[in-house]
Structures are given as structure tokens and as C-alpha cells.
Amino acid sequence: MAAWNATRRIQYTCSVIATLPQRHSTQAEFNGQNYVYSREFAPNASRFEAILSTLLSAHAVTYATGLAALHAALVLLNPRRISVGEGYHGSHEVIGVLSRLTGLQKLPLDCPADALEAGDVVLLETPVNPLGTVFSIEAYARKAHARGAYLIVDSTFAPPGLQDPFLWGADVVLHSGSRYFGGHSDMLCGVLGVKRADWHWQLLEDRAALGHVMGNLEGWLGVRSLRTLEIRVQRASESSAKLIAWLDQAMKVDSPGSGSEEETIQNAVKRIYHASLQDEPWVRQQMPNGFGPVFAIVLKDEEAAKTLPSKLSFFQHATSLGGVESLIEWRALSDCRVDRKLLRISVRLEDWQDLKMDLLQAFTSLQ
């Protein structure tokens, strides 16, 4: 994080706070200088986008939600085919709507390259929900561009500082800003980043026409949240790395002692998923400053997966993620496609030792 921050630091001071009033009006006086109507542009959203543009090193456009941002990207590119993996179920719902309206054909993420044609889209979610594992952006960029297709990277689980998809060939970068950009579980928004100026202006025109605009309060909350983005993401990433290393080491112990931590963990956990456990060399090149705060564990028993969240004190059993509180979710509650023994864990700002002891006592209670 420090290496990234040294080249993209934005100074926030008390004087900035003093000049950031909440502006909730949807209209402004016609005088040739002010904003006119907030469906087109508004002061709070414009400030938010200006900061995001620096963080993303691209033109940033905000939307009411992450799914609205994905819809906007697909309206812009208007592909005939989209190659996409499992990932977030909401993205597939957006694709389903467009398929009904336009005949958009969905292809597997690892479809043969010759299945893609000029103007098609590869939608790559990395790190992927709910596992927290990663794909090579560079490899999928080469595949898409060789066929004249475009690469959209959903980098929600790796905000700026952890991953820059444009460095590896992305054409469009997507974030659900409700997660780490918002960071306090109190706002919804989506963000697109693009390098091309013509795409930027087309996105703005389309947003005004389709009404996907983010609210004025959300724009103000977004500016507030970006002041602490670095420290929040850094703390959560470091804590999740420590928790995962602890679990992984326990899983590798042969013949653990009776009643030991290692035995307790091995009795409950079947598998752990996270980018930090991948050994391909490109993983650390793509994410040199650490990995995302989301990982998944698969338990040995479905009933245990249903029960474990209720045994925890520091982790809240809830969907969504990216706020200040750590969450755990029996993922099958919100996504019927996943393993019913899988738990998604989102680590946030609590002390990692407290989270460790909370997980350990919950594993113990299952015995």
C-alpha cells in the first residue's frame, strides 16, 4: 500500500471538510455557470468522481448501484456475446435482462478464443465473489483483444492500492462502490472507470437518459469515505492475511494433538479459498501490495455451515461487505449456485486476534 500511495497520494485537510457542504437540491438557477439538474451533474457526485478519477487513473463515472454501472457498461459496448464466469449472481441477472431484450449470448469465461468476435465482451471478476481467488487480467486481456473484444474487470474486491486492472490491459474497470469506496454500510453506488474520453462522455449521456444517477447524499458520503480508504483497506487486508495464514498452517499439521487448535480446525474445515494461497507468479505481480479482505471456507458438514455464524460474537451474519464490521455469510442463503457448506468471510477493522479467537471458539462449539 505504501508504494502505491507514494505515487497517488491525495491530501485531505480540515479546510477541505469545511468546503464540502451537503447539497441535496435537485435543481440550480440558470446562470450559465452552475449545475442545472442533478440527473445530469451535481456538486457532491462531481467531487466524488474527481477523487475517484485520480485513484483509478481514469475517467470515473458514478451510478446508483454497482449493477447499474454494469448495465451502463454493457449498454455502451453493446456486445453480441459476453464471456463470463460464475462470480456475483447479480451480474448474471443483469446479463439475463439484456439477453431478453437484445439476444445477448452468454459464453463460459474459459470459452475458446475463436468463440469471441469483434465487439464482444469478456467480463472478468477478480478477485471473484465469494471465494476471494484471482484470475490473470493480462491473460484475459490478450485473449479478448486478439479477437477485437473488450475486457471489463470487476475489481470490487480489490480497490485501488491492491489492484490496477488498467496496468494489465482492462478496457473498463467496474466497482461496486457500496463496498470499499463507501466503507460504512450506509450508501449504495457503482463506479466505472474508462481511459477513452469518447467513452466517458457517452457514459455520461447514457446515464442521464437512463436515470442511473447516484443520489446527492451518496456523493457526499462517498467523499467522506475516500478519506479513509487506504487505512481501511490496508488494515482489513493485513488482518485477513493473518487469519488465513493461521487457518492454512493449522490445516497442514499432520496428526495434530488431541484438543489442539489444529485438531479443532481440521475437524471443522475442509478447504480454504483466497488469493494468498495461490502460487502462480503473476498473482503477486498483479496484487503487489496485498490481497483482498474476503475469503471463503468450506466446512465438512452442511449443518455446521448453517450453524457456525450464530456461534460468533465479532462476526455478524449478514450479506454485503466492505463496512467497518467483519461479516460471515452462509452463502447459499443468497446464492443457490454455491456449495452449501461454504461460508464467505469479510474481514474488516477489528483486531485480528479477536477475530481469530472468535472463530476458534465457534469451531470448538461444533464438536
Protein backbone atom coordinates (compact mmCIF):
# COMPACT_ATOMS: atom_id res chain seq x y z
CA MET A 1 0.00 0.00 0.00
CA ALA A 2 2.80 2.43 0.85
CA ALA A 3 4.43 2.06 -2.57
CA TRP A 4 1.14 2.70 -4.30
CA ASN A 5 0.22 5.59 -2.05
CA ALA A 6 3.51 7.37 -2.63
CA THR A 7 2.63 7.88 -6.28
CA ARG A 8 -1.08 8.60 -5.94
CA ARG A 9 -1.45 10.46 -2.66
CA ILE A 10 -4.38 12.83 -2.29
CA GLN A 11 -4.16 15.33 0.56
CA TYR A 12 -7.25 15.72 2.72
CA THR A 13 -7.21 18.56 5.25
CA CYS A 14 -9.63 20.29 7.58
CA SER A 15 -10.00 23.06 5.02
CA VAL A 16 -11.40 20.52 2.55
CA ILE A 17 -14.00 19.37 5.04
CA ALA A 18 -15.07 22.97 5.56
CA THR A 19 -15.77 23.38 1.84
CA LEU A 20 -17.81 20.20 1.41
CA PRO A 21 -21.39 21.09 2.36
CA GLN A 22 -24.13 18.57 1.75
CA ARG A 23 -26.04 19.78 -1.30
CA HIS A 24 -29.33 17.97 -1.71
CA SER A 25 -31.20 20.19 -4.17
CA THR A 26 -32.03 18.55 -7.50
CA GLN A 27 -32.04 21.84 -9.39
CA ALA A 28 -29.99 25.03 -9.74
CA GLU A 29 -30.50 28.53 -11.13
CA PHE A 30 -29.91 29.05 -14.84
CA ASN A 31 -26.95 31.42 -14.96
CA GLY A 32 -24.57 29.68 -17.37
CA GLN A 33 -22.20 28.69 -14.58
CA ASN A 34 -23.93 26.48 -12.02
CA TYR A 35 -25.23 22.94 -12.21
CA VAL A 36 -28.68 22.70 -13.78
CA TYR A 37 -30.31 19.40 -12.80
CA SER A 38 -28.88 16.59 -10.69
CA ARG A 39 -29.85 13.81 -13.10
CA GLU A 40 -27.06 15.19 -15.30
CA PHE A 41 -24.49 16.61 -12.86
CA ALA A 42 -24.45 17.53 -9.17
CA PRO A 43 -21.76 19.03 -6.91
CA ASN A 44 -21.42 16.12 -4.49
CA ALA A 45 -21.20 13.46 -7.18
CA SER A 46 -18.78 15.57 -9.22
CA ARG A 47 -16.41 15.87 -6.25
CA PHE A 48 -16.64 12.13 -5.66
CA GLU A 49 -15.89 11.40 -9.32
CA ALA A 50 -12.94 13.81 -9.36
CA ILE A 51 -11.26 11.95 -6.50
CA LEU A 52 -12.11 8.55 -7.97
CA SER A 53 -10.63 9.58 -11.31
CA THR A 54 -7.30 10.18 -9.59
CA LEU A 55 -7.47 6.91 -7.67
CA LEU A 56 -8.37 4.89 -10.78
CA SER A 57 -6.07 6.84 -13.14
CA ALA A 58 -9.04 7.02 -15.50
CA HIS A 59 -12.29 8.88 -16.15
CA ALA A 60 -14.66 7.83 -13.34
CA VAL A 61 -18.45 7.80 -13.70
CA THR A 62 -20.71 7.02 -10.74
CA TYR A 63 -24.06 5.24 -10.69
CA ALA A 64 -26.86 4.43 -8.28
CA THR A 65 -25.56 0.87 -7.75
CA GLY A 66 -22.86 -1.49 -8.94
CA LEU A 67 -25.38 -3.34 -11.09
CA ALA A 68 -26.45 -0.06 -12.68
CA ALA A 69 -22.78 0.50 -13.53
CA LEU A 70 -22.53 -2.94 -15.16
CA HIS A 71 -25.70 -2.26 -17.14
CA ALA A 72 -24.22 1.05 -18.31
CA ALA A 73 -21.00 -0.64 -19.45
CA LEU A 74 -22.94 -3.21 -21.47
CA VAL A 75 -25.17 -0.53 -22.98
CA LEU A 76 -22.01 1.36 -24.01
CA LEU A 77 -20.29 -1.64 -25.62
CA ASN A 78 -23.48 -3.38 -26.83
CA PRO A 79 -21.88 -6.81 -27.32
CA ARG A 80 -23.50 -9.74 -29.10
CA ARG A 81 -21.69 -12.21 -26.82
CA ILE A 82 -20.36 -11.97 -23.27
CA SER A 83 -17.87 -14.41 -21.77
CA VAL A 84 -18.32 -14.57 -18.00
CA GLY A 85 -17.51 -16.84 -15.07
CA GLU A 86 -19.56 -17.69 -12.00
CA GLY A 87 -18.92 -14.70 -9.74
CA TYR A 88 -21.58 -12.39 -8.37
CA HIS A 89 -25.10 -13.63 -9.07
CA GLY A 90 -26.40 -10.08 -9.59
CA SER A 91 -24.17 -9.65 -12.64
CA HIS A 92 -25.81 -12.69 -14.22
CA GLU A 93 -29.22 -11.16 -13.54
CA VAL A 94 -28.22 -8.01 -15.46
CA ILE A 95 -26.94 -10.18 -18.32
CA GLY A 96 -30.23 -12.09 -18.23
CA VAL A 97 -32.25 -8.90 -18.67
CA LEU A 98 -30.12 -7.79 -21.62
CA SER A 99 -30.33 -11.27 -23.14
CA ARG A 100 -34.11 -11.00 -23.04
CA LEU A 101 -34.05 -7.57 -24.68
CA THR A 102 -31.21 -7.88 -27.18
CA GLY A 103 -30.43 -11.58 -27.58
CA LEU A 104 -27.07 -11.19 -25.81
CA GLN A 105 -25.43 -14.64 -25.75
CA LYS A 106 -23.63 -15.78 -22.59
CA LEU A 107 -20.45 -17.82 -23.01
CA PRO A 108 -18.28 -19.50 -20.35
CA LEU A 109 -15.31 -17.49 -19.11
CA ASP A 110 -12.89 -20.08 -20.50
CA CYS A 111 -14.61 -20.45 -23.85
CA PRO A 112 -12.30 -20.93 -26.88
CA ALA A 113 -10.90 -17.63 -28.12
CA ASP A 114 -12.44 -18.16 -31.55
CA ALA A 115 -15.90 -18.10 -29.94
CA LEU A 116 -15.40 -14.35 -29.47
CA GLU A 117 -15.79 -11.78 -32.23
CA ALA A 118 -15.08 -8.08 -32.61
CA GLY A 119 -17.12 -6.01 -30.17
CA ASP A 120 -17.85 -8.87 -27.78
CA VAL A 121 -17.11 -8.59 -24.06
CA VAL A 122 -15.18 -10.63 -21.53
CA LEU A 123 -16.42 -9.84 -18.01
CA LEU A 124 -13.73 -10.84 -15.52
CA GLU A 125 -14.43 -10.63 -11.80
CA THR A 126 -11.16 -10.74 -9.89
CA PRO A 127 -10.91 -11.38 -7.00
CA VAL A 128 -14.04 -13.42 -7.51
CA ASN A 129 -17.06 -13.50 -5.24
CA PRO A 130 -17.42 -15.42 -2.91
CA LEU A 131 -14.03 -17.17 -2.94
CA GLY A 132 -11.58 -14.27 -3.00
CA THR A 133 -9.41 -16.10 -5.55
CA VAL A 134 -7.96 -14.27 -8.55
CA PHE A 135 -7.58 -14.59 -12.33
CA SER A 136 -4.85 -13.22 -14.56
CA ILE A 137 -6.13 -9.96 -16.01
CA GLU A 138 -3.28 -9.89 -18.52
CA ALA A 139 -4.15 -13.34 -19.88
CA TYR A 140 -7.81 -12.49 -20.41
CA ALA A 141 -6.91 -9.11 -21.92
CA ARG A 142 -4.72 -10.86 -24.51
CA LYS A 143 -7.50 -13.31 -25.27
CA ALA A 144 -10.13 -10.60 -25.70
CA HIS A 145 -8.01 -8.15 -27.66
CA ALA A 146 -6.74 -10.82 -30.06
CA ARG A 147 -10.35 -11.20 -31.22
CA GLY A 148 -11.25 -7.50 -31.15
CA ALA A 149 -13.30 -7.96 -27.98
CA TYR A 150 -13.30 -5.77 -24.86
CA LEU A 151 -12.32 -6.67 -21.29
CA ILE A 152 -14.40 -5.41 -18.36
CA VAL A 153 -12.76 -6.11 -15.00
CA ASP A 154 -14.94 -6.12 -11.89
CA SER A 155 -12.36 -5.13 -9.28
CA THR A 156 -14.81 -4.62 -6.41
CA PHE A 157 -12.92 -6.98 -4.09
CA ALA A 158 -9.57 -5.27 -4.86
CA PRO A 159 -9.94 -1.48 -4.66
CA PRO A 160 -7.18 0.94 -5.71
CA GLY A 161 -4.00 0.23 -3.85
CA LEU A 162 -4.46 -3.53 -4.14
CA GLN A 163 -5.00 -3.85 -7.89
CA ASP A 164 -4.93 -1.64 -11.00
CA PRO A 165 -6.63 -3.55 -13.83
CA PHE A 166 -5.65 -0.93 -16.41
CA LEU A 167 -1.99 -1.85 -15.93
CA TRP A 168 -2.82 -5.34 -17.19
CA GLY A 169 -5.00 -4.46 -20.17
CA ALA A 170 -8.53 -3.80 -18.92
CA ASP A 171 -10.71 -1.61 -21.15
CA VAL A 172 -13.32 -0.85 -18.47
CA VAL A 173 -12.99 -1.18 -14.69
CA LEU A 174 -16.09 -1.74 -12.57
CA HIS A 175 -16.54 -1.31 -8.82
CA SER A 176 -19.50 -1.72 -6.55
CA GLY A 177 -18.78 1.45 -4.60
CA SER A 178 -21.19 0.28 -1.91
CA ARG A 179 -18.34 -1.90 -0.64
CA TYR A 180 -14.89 -0.43 -0.03
CA PHE A 181 -15.38 3.03 -1.54
CA GLY A 182 -18.39 3.53 0.73
CA GLY A 183 -16.92 1.53 3.56
CA HIS A 184 -19.53 2.25 6.25
CA SER A 185 -22.56 0.16 5.18
CA ASP A 186 -24.59 3.33 4.63
CA MET A 187 -24.55 4.01 0.88
CA LEU A 188 -25.17 2.37 -2.49
CA CYS A 189 -23.23 3.31 -5.60
CA GLY A 190 -21.45 1.90 -8.61
CA VAL A 191 -18.37 3.16 -10.42
CA LEU A 192 -17.00 2.73 -13.93
CA GLY A 193 -13.51 3.76 -14.96
CA VAL A 194 -12.55 4.22 -18.62
CA LYS A 195 -9.47 5.61 -20.35
CA ARG A 196 -11.16 6.78 -23.57
CA ALA A 197 -12.60 10.30 -23.50
CA ASP A 198 -15.31 9.42 -26.04
CA TRP A 199 -16.49 6.55 -23.87
CA HIS A 200 -16.52 8.85 -20.84
CA TRP A 201 -18.85 11.34 -22.48
CA GLN A 202 -21.08 8.62 -23.89
CA LEU A 203 -21.42 7.10 -20.42
CA LEU A 204 -22.45 10.50 -19.03
CA GLU A 205 -25.06 10.96 -21.75
CA ASP A 206 -26.40 7.43 -21.29
CA ARG A 207 -26.56 7.87 -17.52
CA ALA A 208 -28.70 10.99 -17.85
CA ALA A 209 -31.00 9.23 -20.32
CA LEU A 210 -31.39 6.02 -18.30
CA GLY A 211 -31.62 7.71 -14.90
CA HIS A 212 -28.91 5.64 -13.20
CA VAL A 213 -27.62 8.69 -11.33
CA MET A 214 -26.28 8.39 -7.79
CA GLY A 215 -28.04 10.43 -5.10
CA ASN A 216 -26.65 13.69 -3.72
CA LEU A 217 -26.28 12.30 -0.20
CA GLU A 218 -24.40 9.28 -1.55
CA GLY A 219 -21.99 11.62 -3.32
CA TRP A 220 -21.26 13.42 -0.06
CA LEU A 221 -20.90 10.13 1.83
CA GLY A 222 -18.55 8.87 -0.86
CA VAL A 223 -16.20 11.84 -0.47
CA ARG A 224 -16.26 11.32 3.28
CA SER A 225 -15.38 7.65 2.88
CA LEU A 226 -12.50 8.06 0.44
CA ARG A 227 -10.56 9.95 3.10
CA THR A 228 -10.10 6.67 4.99
CA LEU A 229 -9.99 4.24 2.06
CA GLU A 230 -6.29 3.50 2.33
CA ILE A 231 -6.20 2.80 6.06
CA ARG A 232 -9.41 0.73 5.97
CA VAL A 233 -8.31 -1.48 3.09
CA GLN A 234 -4.78 -1.85 4.42
CA ARG A 235 -5.96 -2.86 7.91
CA ALA A 236 -8.54 -5.33 6.60
CA SER A 237 -6.14 -6.90 4.09
CA GLU A 238 -3.42 -7.38 6.69
CA SER A 239 -5.84 -8.90 9.20
CA SER A 240 -7.36 -11.28 6.66
CA ALA A 241 -3.87 -12.40 5.59
CA LYS A 242 -3.03 -13.25 9.20
CA LEU A 243 -6.28 -15.16 9.73
CA ILE A 244 -5.85 -17.13 6.52
CA ALA A 245 -2.22 -17.97 7.32
CA TRP A 246 -3.31 -19.21 10.76
CA LEU A 247 -6.04 -21.41 9.29
CA ASP A 248 -3.83 -22.68 6.47
CA GLN A 249 -1.00 -23.63 8.80
CA ALA A 250 -3.41 -25.48 11.07
CA MET A 251 -4.78 -27.43 8.10
CA LYS A 252 -1.26 -28.58 7.15
CA VAL A 253 -0.33 -30.09 10.53
CA ASP A 254 -0.04 -33.88 10.39
CA SER A 255 -1.51 -35.81 13.32
CA PRO A 256 -2.45 -32.78 15.45
CA GLY A 257 -2.55 -33.22 19.21
CA SER A 258 -5.81 -34.11 20.90
CA GLY A 259 -7.73 -30.97 21.82
CA SER A 260 -5.29 -28.69 19.98
CA GLU A 261 -6.26 -25.70 17.85
CA GLU A 262 -5.08 -27.60 14.79
CA GLU A 263 -7.31 -30.58 15.54
CA THR A 264 -10.31 -28.32 16.19
CA ILE A 265 -9.83 -26.54 12.87
CA GLN A 266 -9.22 -29.75 10.92
CA ASN A 267 -12.35 -31.33 12.40
CA ALA A 268 -14.47 -28.45 11.09
CA VAL A 269 -12.81 -27.09 7.94
CA LYS A 270 -12.43 -28.92 4.64
CA ARG A 271 -10.91 -26.19 2.44
CA ILE A 272 -9.87 -22.51 2.40
CA TYR A 273 -10.06 -20.23 -0.65
CA HIS A 274 -8.10 -16.98 -1.06
CA ALA A 275 -5.68 -15.33 -3.47
CA SER A 276 -2.86 -15.51 -0.91
CA LEU A 277 -2.98 -19.31 -1.17
CA GLN A 278 -2.44 -19.29 -4.95
CA ASP A 279 1.15 -19.91 -6.04
CA GLU A 280 1.17 -18.66 -9.65
CA PRO A 281 3.87 -15.97 -10.06
CA TRP A 282 1.53 -13.47 -11.73
CA VAL A 283 -0.67 -13.30 -8.62
CA ARG A 284 1.83 -11.20 -6.66
CA GLN A 285 2.68 -9.12 -9.71
CA GLN A 286 -0.98 -8.26 -10.21
CA MET A 287 -1.54 -7.56 -6.48
CA PRO A 288 1.85 -6.45 -5.14
CA ASN A 289 0.54 -4.65 -2.06
CA GLY A 290 -1.51 -7.47 -0.56
CA PHE A 291 -4.74 -9.31 -1.21
CA GLY A 292 -8.40 -8.64 -0.65
CA PRO A 293 -10.12 -8.94 2.74
CA VAL A 294 -12.64 -11.56 1.53
CA PHE A 295 -12.06 -15.30 1.68
CA ALA A 296 -14.12 -18.46 1.92
CA ILE A 297 -14.02 -21.64 3.95
CA VAL A 298 -15.82 -24.87 3.16
CA LEU A 299 -16.84 -26.87 6.20
CA LYS A 300 -17.15 -30.64 6.32
CA ASP A 301 -20.83 -30.58 7.18
CA GLU A 302 -23.72 -28.52 5.81
CA GLU A 303 -25.45 -28.27 9.16
CA ALA A 304 -22.24 -26.93 10.67
CA ALA A 305 -22.06 -24.28 7.93
CA LYS A 306 -25.61 -23.19 8.76
CA THR A 307 -24.90 -23.15 12.49
CA LEU A 308 -21.42 -21.62 12.76
CA PRO A 309 -22.42 -17.97 12.07
CA SER A 310 -24.75 -18.00 15.09
CA LYS A 311 -21.86 -19.08 17.33
CA LEU A 312 -19.78 -15.98 16.58
CA SER A 313 -19.63 -12.73 18.53
CA PHE A 314 -17.37 -10.43 16.50
CA PHE A 315 -18.55 -11.55 13.06
CA GLN A 316 -22.07 -10.54 12.07
CA HIS A 317 -24.09 -13.00 9.98
CA ALA A 318 -25.03 -10.82 7.03
CA THR A 319 -24.59 -10.41 3.31
CA SER A 320 -22.89 -7.41 1.68
CA LEU A 321 -19.41 -6.42 2.86
CA GLY A 322 -16.92 -3.57 2.97
CA GLY A 323 -18.19 -1.79 6.09
CA VAL A 324 -16.24 -1.39 9.31
CA GLU A 325 -17.60 -4.63 10.79
CA SER A 326 -16.45 -8.16 9.92
CA LEU A 327 -19.12 -10.37 8.40
CA ILE A 328 -19.68 -14.06 7.79
CA GLU A 329 -22.35 -15.45 5.49
CA TRP A 330 -23.69 -18.90 4.80
CA ARG A 331 -23.55 -18.02 1.13
CA ALA A 332 -26.25 -20.44 -0.01
CA LEU A 333 -28.79 -18.09 1.58
CA SER A 334 -28.22 -15.52 -1.17
CA ASP A 335 -26.69 -17.58 -4.00
CA CYS A 336 -28.14 -21.03 -4.65
CA ARG A 337 -25.31 -21.91 -7.07
CA VAL A 338 -22.57 -22.22 -4.44
CA ASP A 339 -21.52 -25.16 -2.28
CA ARG A 340 -23.98 -25.36 0.61
CA LYS A 341 -21.10 -25.92 3.01
CA LEU A 342 -19.37 -22.67 2.02
CA LEU A 343 -19.05 -19.65 4.31
CA ARG A 344 -17.92 -16.29 2.93
CA ILE A 345 -15.88 -14.23 5.39
CA SER A 346 -15.27 -10.50 5.05
CA VAL A 347 -12.63 -9.21 7.45
CA ARG A 348 -12.78 -5.57 8.48
CA LEU A 349 -11.37 -3.37 11.22
CA GLU A 350 -11.48 -5.42 14.43
CA ASP A 351 -8.23 -6.71 15.94
CA TRP A 352 -7.31 -9.89 14.09
CA GLN A 353 -6.55 -11.74 17.33
CA ASP A 354 -10.12 -11.11 18.50
CA LEU A 355 -11.41 -12.49 15.20
CA LYS A 356 -9.11 -15.49 15.49
CA MET A 357 -10.33 -16.38 18.98
CA ASP A 358 -13.93 -15.87 17.89
CA LEU A 359 -13.53 -18.34 15.02
CA LEU A 360 -11.72 -20.82 17.25
CA GLN A 361 -14.42 -20.85 19.91
CA ALA A 362 -17.07 -21.26 17.20
CA PHE A 363 -15.21 -24.23 15.68
CA THR A 364 -14.91 -25.72 19.17
CA SER A 365 -18.65 -25.35 19.76
CA LEU A 366 -19.36 -27.55 16.73
CA GLN A 367 -17.68 -30.58 18.29
